[in-house]
Amino acid sequence: MDAATAHTPAPVLELAGIHKQFAGIPVLRDVQLRLYPGEIHALMGQNGAGKSTLIKVLTGVIKPSGGQMQLGGEPVWPDSPLAAQRLGISTVYQEVNLCPNLSVAENIFAGRYPRCGIAQGFRIDWAQMHQRSRELVERIGLSIDVTRLLSDYPVAVQQLVAIARALSIEARVLILDEPTSSLDDDEVQKLFEVLRRLRGEGLSIVFVTHFLNQVYAVSDRITVLRNGSWVGEWPVKDLGPQALIAAMLGRDLAAQAAQTSPPPPANASDTALLQTEGLGQTGQLQPLDLQIRAGEVVGLAGLLGAGRTELARLLFGLEQPDRGMLRIDGKAVSFSNPMDAIRQGLALCPEERKTDGIVAELSVRENIALALQARMGVGKFLSRAEQTAIADRYVQLLGIKTASVDTPIGLLSGGNQQKAILARWMAIEPRLLILDEPTRGIDVAAKQEIMEQILRLAQAGMAVLFISSEMSEVVRVSHRIVVLRDRRKVGELPAGSTEDAVYELIAAEQHA
């Protein structure tokens, strides 16, 4: 019998009708959550669904605009993280929020060091702190020296130390926010063993993750949020992977209509322009094989956290793989930085346009000329007239709406900023263009124009790796679709595949 069927009638924690607004804009609408003693409860939803905001409400970081919260049947409203901890609500975040320069024991009891009596001047009772720390780490299955610096241990152990700290305050509710994002498979399994042990002791755990297989490996029940609203609550056995994805996205996958195919590649080569053989990075991407040919658009599909951006960063030299091989035109290459990738004819439009794409204070002209100027190297400069000629050309070609090429790019709309970033890379005439979420946050008309431009580039012979959370966009422009799940490749689909087919592959059970 699982924890979901064995729970007592009364939840240990219950949220009802939770509302939250920022500057009059609702970010949580009538959200509810029930957490029972001795269960692991998965909180699921796409990026922007409201999970982080709800956790901030739970932990007293922000005050809700309305709703009720009960802990052990009693109304409570923690007004700070410290107040939440005193109530027995503790959180372990994705990034370990501990002090690497302190010992394990000091981290576990930071701010709450046990003290000796008056005769000893209220000094820290090191013996007691070390003994209690040993008991806590043993409780979660760790055999480590608690007197050593936290930095002496790997991230997986530090994550467990953070859990030991949460237990040291006699937590009734433990919230784990993406705790496995930096762990490899073996470390994840060790963490799950700890969670199952704590569940058996009666601890209630909220588990936030983007990894579907982990939800079904360790959770008892699932609550889904979408666009700040509560969608539903299910026992894990009653909500399969495909139904979970449908709940997160708000779509009936079985009813997806067939999508039209992109035009066939006009100049596709039989030889791969770019090829990876078991390319991967520990903790970020499982070994992956990929081929991209000139003149074709390869779509990269997967839910948030599937490893799409991680692959893009490896291909462009922003991160270095620790396994596998990358080939350009059949020749093994290694990129130590993006300039190496640019010299081989690669370009990347990054996911975060505001922080990694545009330089807001510079003009449209200067932003478009950036990559070409960088490729020319130190001591060689594009004249203002040359920059203006290049910018004018692409403003006209892509329909960038700006009063002048000398307008600061930060004043443009999101769609026009995205077009300017695309222009930047088109100006260096790359052989392979990697587009990471090129249509995010822009209006429908701008999306349409960018999609059409992608197909035109492919028809002209450019290879394109297209990454998007909008599955309709992926199936529309892709000649092949590479599907990722949980940071590994799970299959490929041909042109003309439906959204339904992609989601089915994402949701498919893994086989040994």
Protein backbone atom coordinates (compact mmCIF):
# COMPACT_ATOMS: atom_id res chain seq x y z
CA MET A 1 0.00 0.00 0.00
CA ASP A 2 1.40 3.39 -0.98
CA ALA A 3 1.40 6.50 1.15
CA ALA A 4 -1.42 8.07 -0.84
CA THR A 5 -3.85 5.32 0.11
CA ALA A 6 -2.63 4.95 3.67
CA HIS A 7 -2.80 8.59 4.77
CA THR A 8 -4.95 9.76 7.65
CA PRO A 9 -8.08 11.76 6.76
CA ALA A 10 -6.64 15.09 7.85
CA PRO A 11 -3.85 16.70 5.79
CA VAL A 12 -0.84 18.03 7.65
CA LEU A 13 -0.82 21.06 5.34
CA GLU A 14 -3.67 22.54 3.36
CA LEU A 15 -3.83 25.60 1.13
CA ALA A 16 -7.16 26.79 -0.25
CA GLY A 17 -8.13 29.66 -2.53
CA ILE A 18 -4.63 31.14 -2.68
CA HIS A 19 -4.46 34.35 -4.71
CA LYS A 20 -1.49 36.57 -5.40
CA GLN A 21 -1.16 39.73 -7.48
CA PHE A 22 1.88 41.79 -8.42
CA ALA A 23 1.10 45.34 -9.54
CA GLY A 24 -2.50 44.30 -10.14
CA ILE A 25 -1.51 41.33 -12.31
CA PRO A 26 -2.67 37.94 -10.93
CA VAL A 27 0.07 35.31 -10.71
CA LEU A 28 -1.83 32.82 -8.54
CA ARG A 29 -5.56 32.24 -8.91
CA ASP A 30 -7.54 30.06 -6.51
CA VAL A 31 -4.66 27.63 -5.98
CA GLN A 32 -4.99 24.74 -3.57
CA LEU A 33 -2.67 22.09 -2.21
CA ARG A 34 -3.22 19.23 0.22
CA LEU A 35 -0.26 17.46 1.76
CA TYR A 36 -0.78 14.39 3.92
CA PRO A 37 1.53 12.88 6.56
CA GLY A 38 4.09 10.50 5.11
CA GLU A 39 3.73 11.27 1.41
CA ILE A 40 5.84 12.64 -1.42
CA HIS A 41 3.71 15.08 -3.38
CA ALA A 42 4.92 16.27 -6.81
CA LEU A 43 4.13 19.89 -7.69
CA MET A 44 4.18 20.10 -11.47
CA GLY A 45 3.78 22.78 -14.11
CA GLN A 46 5.59 24.48 -16.96
CA ASN A 47 7.81 27.50 -16.47
CA GLY A 48 5.57 30.36 -15.30
CA ALA A 49 2.90 28.04 -13.94
CA GLY A 50 3.19 29.53 -10.43
CA LYS A 51 5.18 26.84 -8.61
CA SER A 52 7.90 29.17 -7.33
CA THR A 53 5.37 31.79 -6.22
CA LEU A 54 3.38 29.16 -4.33
CA ILE A 55 6.55 27.97 -2.57
CA LYS A 56 7.30 31.56 -1.58
CA VAL A 57 3.84 31.80 -0.07
CA LEU A 58 4.37 28.54 1.80
CA THR A 59 7.72 29.65 3.19
CA GLY A 60 6.73 33.20 4.16
CA VAL A 61 8.81 34.95 1.49
CA ILE A 62 5.72 36.70 0.11
CA LYS A 63 2.28 37.34 1.54
CA PRO A 64 -0.68 36.12 -0.53
CA SER A 65 -3.46 38.46 -1.60
CA GLY A 66 -6.07 36.00 -0.38
CA GLY A 67 -6.78 32.44 0.66
CA GLN A 68 -6.30 30.16 3.65
CA MET A 69 -3.46 28.04 4.98
CA GLN A 70 -3.71 25.41 7.69
CA LEU A 71 -0.95 23.40 9.31
CA GLY A 72 -2.07 20.50 11.44
CA GLY A 73 -5.62 21.81 11.22
CA GLU A 74 -4.67 25.21 12.66
CA PRO A 75 -4.76 28.47 10.61
CA VAL A 76 -1.25 29.84 10.02
CA TRP A 77 0.38 32.55 7.91
CA PRO A 78 4.18 32.57 8.15
CA ASP A 79 5.40 36.11 7.52
CA SER A 80 9.06 35.18 6.98
CA PRO A 81 11.17 32.11 6.18
CA LEU A 82 12.23 32.03 9.84
CA ALA A 83 8.59 31.96 10.91
CA ALA A 84 7.95 29.12 8.46
CA GLN A 85 10.88 27.16 9.89
CA ARG A 86 9.54 27.64 13.41
CA LEU A 87 6.28 26.14 12.19
CA GLY A 88 8.17 23.14 10.81
CA ILE A 89 8.21 24.10 7.11
CA SER A 90 11.69 23.84 5.61
CA THR A 91 12.91 24.22 2.04
CA VAL A 92 15.89 22.87 0.11
CA TYR A 93 16.48 24.79 -3.10
CA GLN A 94 18.01 23.83 -6.43
CA GLU A 95 21.22 25.69 -5.61
CA VAL A 96 22.59 24.49 -2.29
CA ASN A 97 22.27 27.51 -0.02
CA LEU A 98 24.98 26.62 2.48
CA CYS A 99 28.44 27.92 3.37
CA PRO A 100 31.23 25.84 1.79
CA ASN A 101 33.86 27.41 4.08
CA LEU A 102 32.14 26.04 7.20
CA SER A 103 32.10 22.47 8.44
CA VAL A 104 29.17 20.13 7.81
CA ALA A 105 28.10 20.46 11.45
CA GLU A 106 28.34 24.25 11.38
CA ASN A 107 26.16 24.33 8.29
CA ILE A 108 23.54 22.08 9.83
CA PHE A 109 23.23 24.24 12.95
CA ALA A 110 24.14 27.66 11.51
CA GLY A 111 22.34 30.33 13.53
CA ARG A 112 21.29 27.73 16.12
CA TYR A 113 24.56 26.52 17.61
CA PRO A 114 24.03 24.60 20.88
CA ARG A 115 25.54 26.46 23.81
CA CYS A 116 27.14 25.48 27.09
CA GLY A 117 25.85 26.79 30.43
CA ILE A 118 26.53 30.02 32.29
CA ALA A 119 29.65 28.61 33.88
CA GLN A 120 31.17 28.16 30.41
CA GLY A 121 30.11 31.62 29.26
CA PHE A 122 27.50 30.34 26.85
CA ARG A 123 30.18 29.06 24.52
CA ILE A 124 29.39 26.83 21.56
CA ASP A 125 29.04 23.24 22.69
CA TRP A 126 31.06 21.66 19.90
CA ALA A 127 30.79 18.14 21.25
CA GLN A 128 27.00 18.32 21.35
CA MET A 129 26.79 19.91 17.89
CA HIS A 130 29.04 17.26 16.37
CA GLN A 131 27.12 14.44 18.02
CA ARG A 132 23.72 15.75 16.91
CA SER A 133 25.07 16.33 13.40
CA ARG A 134 26.31 12.72 13.22
CA GLU A 135 22.87 11.50 14.24
CA LEU A 136 21.20 13.63 11.56
CA VAL A 137 23.48 12.57 8.71
CA GLU A 138 23.19 8.94 9.76
CA ARG A 139 19.41 9.34 9.69
CA ILE A 140 19.61 10.10 5.97
CA GLY A 141 22.14 7.36 5.27
CA LEU A 142 25.34 9.44 5.10
CA SER A 143 28.65 8.30 6.53
CA ILE A 144 30.77 11.44 6.52
CA ASP A 145 33.00 13.38 8.88
CA VAL A 146 30.83 16.26 10.10
CA THR A 147 33.89 18.21 11.24
CA ARG A 148 35.23 18.55 7.68
CA LEU A 149 34.49 21.53 5.45
CA LEU A 150 31.34 21.25 3.37
CA SER A 151 33.40 22.10 0.28
CA ASP A 152 35.31 18.83 0.72
CA TYR A 153 32.22 16.94 -0.41
CA PRO A 154 30.51 16.71 -3.83
CA VAL A 155 27.27 18.49 -4.68
CA ALA A 156 25.19 15.37 -4.06
CA VAL A 157 26.44 15.15 -0.47
CA GLN A 158 25.94 18.88 0.03
CA GLN A 159 22.33 18.47 -1.11
CA LEU A 160 21.81 15.79 1.54
CA VAL A 161 23.47 18.00 4.17
CA ALA A 162 20.89 20.67 3.27
CA ILE A 163 18.19 18.09 3.96
CA ALA A 164 19.85 17.21 7.28
CA ARG A 165 19.74 20.89 8.19
CA ALA A 166 16.03 20.95 7.36
CA LEU A 167 15.48 17.94 9.61
CA SER A 168 17.43 19.59 12.44
CA ILE A 169 14.57 22.05 12.94
CA GLU A 170 12.16 19.12 13.37
CA ALA A 171 10.47 19.81 10.05
CA ARG A 172 6.94 18.56 9.49
CA VAL A 173 6.96 19.64 5.84
CA LEU A 174 10.02 19.45 3.58
CA ILE A 175 9.93 21.32 0.27
CA LEU A 176 12.44 20.21 -2.36
CA ASP A 177 12.74 22.67 -5.26
CA GLU A 178 14.51 20.98 -8.20
CA PRO A 179 16.89 19.05 -5.92
CA THR A 180 18.15 16.73 -8.67
CA SER A 181 19.12 19.28 -11.31
CA SER A 182 22.87 18.97 -10.59
CA LEU A 183 22.96 15.25 -9.78
CA ASP A 184 23.83 12.28 -11.96
CA ASP A 185 21.64 9.16 -12.11
CA ASP A 186 23.34 7.31 -9.25
CA GLU A 187 23.18 10.39 -7.02
CA VAL A 188 19.50 10.83 -7.83
CA GLN A 189 18.80 7.25 -6.78
CA LYS A 190 20.61 7.80 -3.47
CA LEU A 191 18.55 10.92 -2.86
CA PHE A 192 15.36 8.99 -3.58
CA GLU A 193 16.37 6.33 -1.06
CA VAL A 194 16.65 9.09 1.55
CA LEU A 195 13.26 10.54 0.59
CA ARG A 196 11.58 7.15 0.85
CA ARG A 197 13.15 6.64 4.27
CA LEU A 198 11.90 10.04 5.46
CA ARG A 199 8.45 9.34 4.03
CA GLY A 200 8.41 6.11 6.00
CA GLU A 201 9.13 8.13 9.15
CA GLY A 202 6.01 10.22 8.48
CA LEU A 203 7.61 13.33 6.97
CA SER A 204 5.54 15.13 4.32
CA ILE A 205 7.51 16.15 1.23
CA VAL A 206 6.68 18.55 -1.62
CA PHE A 207 8.79 17.60 -4.64
CA VAL A 208 9.24 20.09 -7.51
CA THR A 209 10.90 18.74 -10.64
CA HIS A 210 10.84 18.95 -14.44
CA PHE A 211 11.86 15.29 -14.82
CA LEU A 212 8.83 13.12 -15.57
CA ASN A 213 10.56 9.82 -14.83
CA GLN A 214 11.46 11.08 -11.35
CA VAL A 215 7.84 11.96 -10.62
CA TYR A 216 6.80 8.38 -11.23
CA ALA A 217 9.83 6.92 -9.47
CA VAL A 218 9.25 8.52 -6.09
CA SER A 219 5.96 10.45 -5.81
CA ASP A 220 2.62 9.38 -4.37
CA ARG A 221 0.38 12.18 -5.64
CA ILE A 222 0.60 15.03 -8.13
CA THR A 223 -0.76 18.57 -8.14
CA VAL A 224 -0.60 20.45 -11.45
CA LEU A 225 -0.54 24.23 -11.89
CA ARG A 226 -0.95 26.01 -15.21
CA ASN A 227 -0.67 29.76 -15.83
CA GLY A 228 -1.03 30.46 -12.11
CA SER A 229 -4.18 28.37 -11.70
CA TRP A 230 -4.84 25.03 -10.03
CA VAL A 231 -5.57 22.32 -12.60
CA GLY A 232 -6.06 19.28 -10.40
CA GLU A 233 -4.73 16.73 -7.95
CA TRP A 234 -4.27 13.02 -8.69
CA PRO A 235 -2.76 9.87 -7.21
CA VAL A 236 0.25 9.02 -9.38
CA LYS A 237 -1.33 5.74 -10.45
CA ASP A 238 -4.30 7.64 -11.91
CA LEU A 239 -2.32 10.10 -14.04
CA GLY A 240 -0.02 8.65 -16.67
CA PRO A 241 2.83 10.61 -18.29
CA GLN A 242 0.81 11.59 -21.37
CA ALA A 243 -2.12 12.76 -19.26
CA LEU A 244 0.28 14.69 -17.01
CA ILE A 245 1.76 16.51 -19.98
CA ALA A 246 -1.75 17.29 -21.25
CA ALA A 247 -2.69 18.73 -17.85
CA MET A 248 0.46 20.87 -17.76
CA LEU A 249 -0.05 22.20 -21.28
CA GLY A 250 -3.85 22.46 -21.27
CA ARG A 251 -4.27 20.36 -24.37
CA ASP A 252 -5.98 17.09 -25.19
CA LEU A 253 -3.13 15.33 -26.93
CA ALA A 254 -5.37 12.72 -28.49
CA ALA A 255 -7.25 15.49 -30.29
CA GLN A 256 -4.20 17.14 -31.86
CA ALA A 257 -4.69 17.66 -35.56
CA ALA A 258 -2.05 16.67 -38.09
CA GLN A 259 0.38 19.43 -38.92
CA THR A 260 1.55 20.50 -42.37
CA SER A 261 5.11 19.64 -43.29
CA PRO A 262 7.78 22.19 -44.14
CA PRO A 263 8.91 22.27 -47.76
CA PRO A 264 11.57 19.61 -48.41
CA PRO A 265 15.18 20.79 -48.11
CA ALA A 266 16.26 22.33 -51.41
CA ASN A 267 20.00 21.91 -50.96
CA ALA A 268 20.28 19.23 -48.30
CA SER A 269 23.54 17.31 -48.40
CA ASP A 270 23.92 13.61 -47.72
CA THR A 271 26.95 14.44 -45.57
CA ALA A 272 26.45 15.82 -42.07
CA LEU A 273 27.67 19.36 -41.55
CA LEU A 274 27.65 18.79 -37.80
CA GLN A 275 27.73 15.43 -36.07
CA THR A 276 27.97 14.42 -32.43
CA GLU A 277 28.96 10.98 -31.20
CA GLY A 278 28.06 10.34 -27.56
CA LEU A 279 28.49 14.03 -26.76
CA GLY A 280 27.57 14.83 -23.16
CA GLN A 281 28.40 16.58 -19.92
CA THR A 282 28.11 15.03 -16.49
CA GLY A 283 25.04 16.28 -14.66
CA GLN A 284 23.84 18.29 -17.66
CA LEU A 285 23.36 16.06 -20.71
CA GLN A 286 23.51 12.31 -21.28
CA PRO A 287 25.65 11.11 -24.22
CA LEU A 288 23.85 12.05 -27.42
CA ASP A 289 24.18 11.34 -31.14
CA LEU A 290 23.03 14.05 -33.54
CA GLN A 291 23.41 14.87 -37.21
CA ILE A 292 22.55 18.15 -38.94
CA ARG A 293 22.94 18.59 -42.69
CA ALA A 294 23.19 21.75 -44.73
CA GLY A 295 19.80 22.96 -45.91
CA GLU A 296 17.69 21.24 -43.26
CA VAL A 297 15.94 22.39 -40.12
CA VAL A 298 16.33 19.98 -37.22
CA GLY A 299 13.84 20.61 -34.44
CA LEU A 300 14.86 19.96 -30.84
CA ALA A 301 11.76 19.09 -28.81
CA GLY A 302 11.25 18.43 -25.11
CA LEU A 303 9.70 19.89 -22.00
CA LEU A 304 11.46 22.44 -19.82
CA GLY A 305 14.51 20.79 -18.27
CA ALA A 306 14.85 18.20 -21.02
CA GLY A 307 18.37 19.36 -21.94
CA ARG A 308 17.71 21.46 -25.05
CA THR A 309 19.59 24.58 -23.96
CA GLU A 310 22.36 22.45 -22.44
CA LEU A 311 22.95 20.87 -25.86
CA ALA A 312 22.96 24.27 -27.58
CA ARG A 313 25.57 25.58 -25.13
CA LEU A 314 27.79 22.52 -25.68
CA LEU A 315 27.61 22.87 -29.46
CA PHE A 316 28.49 26.58 -29.33
CA GLY A 317 31.42 26.30 -26.94
CA LEU A 318 29.72 28.02 -24.00
CA GLU A 319 30.18 24.78 -22.07
CA GLN A 320 32.69 22.00 -22.68
CA PRO A 321 31.66 18.34 -22.94
CA ASP A 322 33.43 15.76 -20.81
CA ARG A 323 32.55 12.86 -23.06
CA GLY A 324 31.95 12.09 -26.71
CA MET A 325 33.02 13.83 -29.90
CA LEU A 326 31.92 16.74 -32.08
CA ARG A 327 32.64 16.74 -35.82
CA ILE A 328 32.31 19.48 -38.43
CA ASP A 329 32.40 18.20 -42.03
CA GLY A 330 33.54 14.87 -40.63
CA LYS A 331 36.55 16.36 -38.83
CA ALA A 332 36.78 16.18 -35.04
CA VAL A 333 36.77 19.62 -33.44
CA SER A 334 36.85 21.02 -29.92
CA PHE A 335 35.44 24.43 -28.99
CA SER A 336 37.00 26.05 -25.93
CA ASN A 337 34.86 29.18 -26.39
CA PRO A 338 32.19 30.61 -28.71
CA MET A 339 34.79 32.24 -30.98
CA ASP A 340 36.03 28.77 -31.91
CA ALA A 341 32.47 27.85 -32.88
CA ILE A 342 31.98 31.06 -34.87
CA ARG A 343 35.18 30.36 -36.83
CA GLN A 344 33.70 27.01 -37.82
CA GLY A 345 30.55 28.70 -39.09
CA LEU A 346 28.23 28.26 -36.10
CA ALA A 347 25.96 30.94 -34.65
CA LEU A 348 23.65 30.96 -31.62
CA CYS A 349 20.59 33.05 -30.82
CA PRO A 350 20.33 32.45 -27.05
CA GLU A 351 17.23 31.66 -25.04
CA GLU A 352 17.50 34.69 -22.75
CA ARG A 353 17.18 37.59 -25.19
CA LYS A 354 17.36 40.34 -22.55
CA THR A 355 20.41 39.07 -20.66
CA ASP A 356 22.38 37.02 -23.20
CA GLY A 357 21.26 38.48 -26.53
CA ILE A 358 20.92 42.23 -26.81
CA VAL A 359 23.10 44.97 -25.37
CA ALA A 360 20.23 47.28 -24.46
CA GLU A 361 22.27 50.50 -24.29
CA LEU A 362 23.74 50.05 -27.77
CA SER A 363 21.96 50.96 -30.97
CA VAL A 364 20.27 48.58 -33.37
CA ARG A 365 23.21 49.18 -35.72
CA GLU A 366 25.80 48.29 -33.10
CA ASN A 367 23.91 45.20 -31.95
CA ILE A 368 23.60 43.86 -35.49
CA ALA A 369 27.32 44.47 -36.16
CA LEU A 370 28.55 42.81 -32.94
CA ALA A 371 29.22 39.28 -34.20
CA LEU A 372 30.80 40.42 -37.45
CA GLN A 373 33.04 42.85 -35.57
CA ALA A 374 34.05 40.12 -33.10
CA ARG A 375 34.92 37.71 -35.89
CA MET A 376 37.22 40.33 -37.50
CA GLY A 377 39.38 40.23 -34.38
CA VAL A 378 41.38 42.79 -32.41
CA GLY A 379 42.58 45.86 -34.29
CA LYS A 380 40.11 45.58 -37.18
CA PHE A 381 37.02 47.71 -37.08
CA LEU A 382 33.88 48.15 -39.11
CA SER A 383 33.39 51.80 -39.95
CA ARG A 384 30.16 53.48 -38.96
CA ALA A 385 29.19 53.60 -42.64
CA GLU A 386 29.80 49.85 -43.00
CA GLN A 387 27.78 49.15 -39.85
CA THR A 388 24.94 51.34 -41.12
CA ALA A 389 24.90 49.63 -44.52
CA ILE A 390 24.74 46.16 -42.91
CA ALA A 391 22.07 47.22 -40.41
CA ASP A 392 19.95 48.94 -43.08
CA ARG A 393 20.05 45.80 -45.20
CA TYR A 394 18.78 43.51 -42.47
CA VAL A 395 16.27 46.00 -41.09
CA GLN A 396 14.68 45.97 -44.53
CA LEU A 397 15.11 42.23 -45.10
CA LEU A 398 13.61 41.18 -41.77
CA GLY A 399 11.13 44.02 -41.41
CA ILE A 400 12.63 45.32 -38.16
CA LYS A 401 10.45 48.19 -36.98
CA THR A 402 12.68 50.98 -35.69
CA ALA A 403 12.77 54.74 -36.17
CA SER A 404 16.45 54.51 -37.03
CA VAL A 405 19.30 52.01 -36.91
CA ASP A 406 20.78 54.35 -34.29
CA THR A 407 17.83 53.82 -31.92
CA PRO A 408 18.87 52.02 -28.71
CA ILE A 409 17.76 48.44 -29.16
CA GLY A 410 16.31 48.37 -25.64
CA LEU A 411 13.52 50.65 -26.88
CA LEU A 412 12.33 48.14 -29.48
CA SER A 413 9.58 45.58 -28.94
CA GLY A 414 10.57 42.02 -28.04
CA GLY A 415 9.82 40.78 -31.54
CA ASN A 416 11.99 43.42 -33.18
CA GLN A 417 14.80 42.78 -30.71
CA GLN A 418 14.64 39.10 -31.66
CA LYS A 419 14.80 39.98 -35.35
CA ALA A 420 17.85 42.15 -34.68
CA ILE A 421 19.62 39.26 -32.94
CA LEU A 422 18.77 37.06 -35.93
CA ALA A 423 20.18 39.77 -38.20
CA ARG A 424 23.40 39.83 -36.15
CA TRP A 425 24.08 36.20 -36.95
CA MET A 426 22.84 36.33 -40.53
CA ALA A 427 25.41 39.09 -41.12
CA ILE A 428 28.27 36.62 -40.57
CA GLU A 429 26.61 34.14 -42.97
CA PRO A 430 26.87 31.11 -40.68
CA ARG A 431 26.68 27.56 -41.95
CA LEU A 432 24.70 26.42 -38.92
CA LEU A 433 22.32 28.66 -36.99
CA ILE A 434 21.22 27.49 -33.53
CA LEU A 435 17.97 29.16 -32.47
CA ASP A 436 17.07 28.69 -28.80
CA GLU A 437 13.45 29.82 -28.19
CA PRO A 438 13.56 32.48 -30.96
CA THR A 439 9.83 33.23 -30.70
CA ARG A 440 9.44 33.41 -26.91
CA GLY A 441 7.69 36.52 -25.65
CA ILE A 442 6.92 38.07 -29.04
CA ASP A 443 3.62 38.72 -30.76
CA VAL A 444 1.94 36.40 -33.24
CA ALA A 445 2.85 38.47 -36.31
CA ALA A 446 6.54 38.57 -35.37
CA LYS A 447 6.49 34.82 -34.72
CA GLN A 448 5.07 34.22 -38.18
CA GLU A 449 7.76 36.35 -39.81
CA ILE A 450 10.58 34.61 -37.94
CA MET A 451 9.24 31.15 -38.81
CA GLU A 452 9.06 32.07 -42.47
CA GLN A 453 12.59 33.46 -42.35
CA ILE A 454 13.88 30.20 -40.84
CA LEU A 455 12.46 28.25 -43.76
CA ARG A 456 13.94 30.72 -46.24
CA LEU A 457 17.38 30.32 -44.66
CA ALA A 458 17.15 26.55 -44.94
CA GLN A 459 16.03 26.78 -48.55
CA ALA A 460 19.15 28.88 -49.20
CA GLY A 461 21.31 26.08 -47.83
CA MET A 462 21.82 27.06 -44.18
CA ALA A 463 21.52 24.35 -41.50
CA VAL A 464 19.26 25.29 -38.60
CA LEU A 465 18.86 23.73 -35.16
CA PHE A 466 15.48 25.00 -33.95
CA ILE A 467 14.60 24.85 -30.24
CA SER A 468 11.15 25.85 -29.04
CA SER A 469 8.70 25.07 -26.23
CA GLU A 470 5.89 25.64 -28.74
CA MET A 471 5.49 22.20 -30.24
CA SER A 472 3.34 23.52 -33.06
CA GLU A 473 6.32 25.60 -34.20
CA VAL A 474 8.70 22.64 -34.02
CA VAL A 475 6.52 20.37 -36.18
CA ARG A 476 5.82 23.16 -38.63
CA VAL A 477 9.40 24.02 -39.61
CA SER A 478 11.38 20.83 -38.92
CA HIS A 479 12.58 18.32 -41.49
CA ARG A 480 13.51 16.07 -38.58
CA ILE A 481 12.61 16.30 -34.89
CA VAL A 482 15.03 15.14 -32.20
CA VAL A 483 13.17 14.49 -28.96
CA LEU A 484 14.78 14.91 -25.54
CA ARG A 485 13.48 13.89 -22.13
CA ASP A 486 15.26 14.13 -18.80
CA ARG A 487 18.47 15.31 -20.49
CA ARG A 488 18.75 12.38 -22.86
CA LYS A 489 17.73 11.72 -26.44
CA VAL A 490 14.71 9.42 -26.63
CA GLY A 491 14.12 9.35 -30.38
CA GLU A 492 13.72 11.09 -33.72
CA LEU A 493 10.64 11.81 -35.81
CA PRO A 494 10.38 12.69 -39.52
CA ALA A 495 8.87 15.77 -41.14
CA GLY A 496 5.09 15.77 -41.02
CA SER A 497 4.93 14.31 -37.51
CA THR A 498 2.14 15.65 -35.32
CA GLU A 499 2.38 17.34 -31.94
CA ASP A 500 0.65 14.25 -30.59
CA ALA A 501 3.46 12.02 -31.85
CA VAL A 502 6.09 14.24 -30.19
CA TYR A 503 4.28 14.27 -26.85
CA GLU A 504 3.76 10.52 -26.97
CA LEU A 505 7.50 10.04 -27.42
CA ILE A 506 8.23 12.43 -24.55
CA ALA A 507 5.76 10.61 -22.30
CA ALA A 508 6.72 7.08 -23.34
CA GLU A 509 7.87 4.81 -20.54
CA GLN A 510 11.58 4.20 -20.41
CA HIS A 511 12.70 0.66 -21.02
CA ALA A 512 15.64 -1.02 -19.44
